[in-house]
Amino acid sequence: MLIAANLPALHAGRIYQMWLIPRSGAPRPAGLFRSDPSGAAVHLLPGPLDLAQTGAVAVSIEPEAGSAAPTTTPLIVAPVAE
C-alpha cells in the first residue's frame, strides 16, 4: 500500500505510476493512480510482494497510459527494509 500526500498537480495527459525496483534488474510497473485535489493519494498493489527481492518502491509522473519503464525522475523512492 502506498499512501502519499502533497503530490504536485498533474498536467493533462499525465498520471502517477508506481514502480517496484528489484535489488537487481530493471524497475517493474506497479500500477497507475491519481491524487485528489489536495495532492493526497492511496494506491494498492494487487497481489503479493516479494520483499526479499524488492529494493525500493518509487513513484514517477508518466503519460496517461503508463510506461513500461520510468520516463521521468521519480518523485518518491522508498527503500524496502530486508
Protein backbone atom coordinates (compact mmCIF):
# COMPACT_ATOMS: atom_id res chain seq x y z
CA MET A 1 0.00 0.00 0.00
CA LEU A 2 1.29 3.43 -0.94
CA ILE A 3 -0.02 6.47 0.92
CA ALA A 4 1.21 9.84 -0.36
CA ALA A 5 0.48 13.49 0.43
CA ASN A 6 1.40 16.84 -1.12
CA LEU A 7 1.82 15.38 -4.62
CA PRO A 8 2.09 18.08 -7.28
CA ALA A 9 -0.87 18.69 -9.59
CA LEU A 10 -0.51 16.91 -12.91
CA HIS A 11 -0.77 18.41 -16.37
CA ALA A 12 -3.38 17.00 -18.75
CA GLY A 13 -2.38 13.63 -20.18
CA ARG A 14 -0.14 12.70 -17.20
CA ILE A 15 -0.61 10.21 -14.35
CA TYR A 16 1.33 8.88 -11.37
CA GLN A 17 2.88 5.45 -11.80
CA MET A 18 4.26 3.26 -9.02
CA TRP A 19 7.33 1.09 -9.62
CA LEU A 20 8.84 -1.89 -7.86
CA ILE A 21 12.61 -1.65 -8.03
CA PRO A 22 14.21 -5.07 -7.52
CA ARG A 23 17.53 -5.46 -5.71
CA SER A 24 18.92 -6.29 -9.16
CA GLY A 25 17.33 -5.62 -12.52
CA ALA A 26 15.04 -3.05 -14.07
CA PRO A 27 12.05 -1.34 -12.39
CA ARG A 28 8.68 -3.05 -12.90
CA PRO A 29 5.38 -1.17 -13.31
CA ALA A 30 3.15 -1.49 -10.24
CA GLY A 31 0.06 0.47 -11.25
CA LEU A 32 -1.30 3.87 -12.15
CA PHE A 33 -3.07 6.31 -9.83
CA ARG A 34 -4.22 9.91 -9.43
CA SER A 35 -4.18 12.19 -6.41
CA ASP A 36 -7.13 14.12 -5.06
CA PRO A 37 -7.21 17.95 -5.33
CA SER A 38 -5.18 18.30 -2.11
CA GLY A 39 -2.39 16.08 -3.51
CA ALA A 40 -3.25 13.01 -1.39
CA ALA A 41 -3.35 9.51 -2.88
CA VAL A 42 -3.65 5.88 -1.85
CA HIS A 43 -2.59 3.08 -4.21
CA LEU A 44 -2.94 -0.63 -3.52
CA LEU A 45 -0.64 -3.09 -5.25
CA PRO A 46 -2.66 -6.14 -6.23
CA GLY A 47 -1.12 -9.49 -5.40
CA PRO A 48 1.84 -10.48 -3.26
CA LEU A 49 5.11 -8.56 -2.95
CA ASP A 50 8.41 -10.44 -2.64
CA LEU A 51 10.11 -8.29 0.00
CA ALA A 52 13.36 -10.26 -0.25
CA GLN A 53 13.73 -9.29 -3.92
CA THR A 54 12.38 -5.70 -3.73
CA GLY A 55 14.92 -2.96 -3.07
CA ALA A 56 12.60 0.05 -3.28
CA VAL A 57 9.22 1.39 -4.29
CA ALA A 58 9.12 4.52 -6.45
CA VAL A 59 6.59 6.91 -7.99
CA SER A 60 7.07 8.90 -11.18
CA ILE A 61 4.90 11.05 -13.44
CA GLU A 62 4.18 9.27 -16.71
CA PRO A 63 2.00 9.57 -19.83
CA GLU A 64 -1.66 8.84 -19.03
CA ALA A 65 -1.49 5.29 -20.45
CA GLY A 66 1.55 4.49 -18.25
CA SER A 67 5.02 3.41 -19.30
CA ALA A 68 6.97 0.16 -19.48
CA ALA A 69 9.91 1.90 -17.76
CA PRO A 70 10.15 5.24 -15.91
CA THR A 71 10.45 8.21 -18.28
CA THR A 72 10.92 10.86 -15.56
CA THR A 73 12.97 11.11 -12.38
CA PRO A 74 10.93 9.55 -9.55
CA LEU A 75 9.30 11.95 -7.08
CA ILE A 76 9.38 9.31 -4.36
CA VAL A 77 11.86 6.49 -3.78
CA ALA A 78 11.30 4.48 -0.61
CA PRO A 79 13.80 1.73 0.26
CA VAL A 80 12.32 -1.59 1.40
CA ALA A 81 13.91 -3.00 4.55
CA GLU A 82 15.16 -6.57 4.40
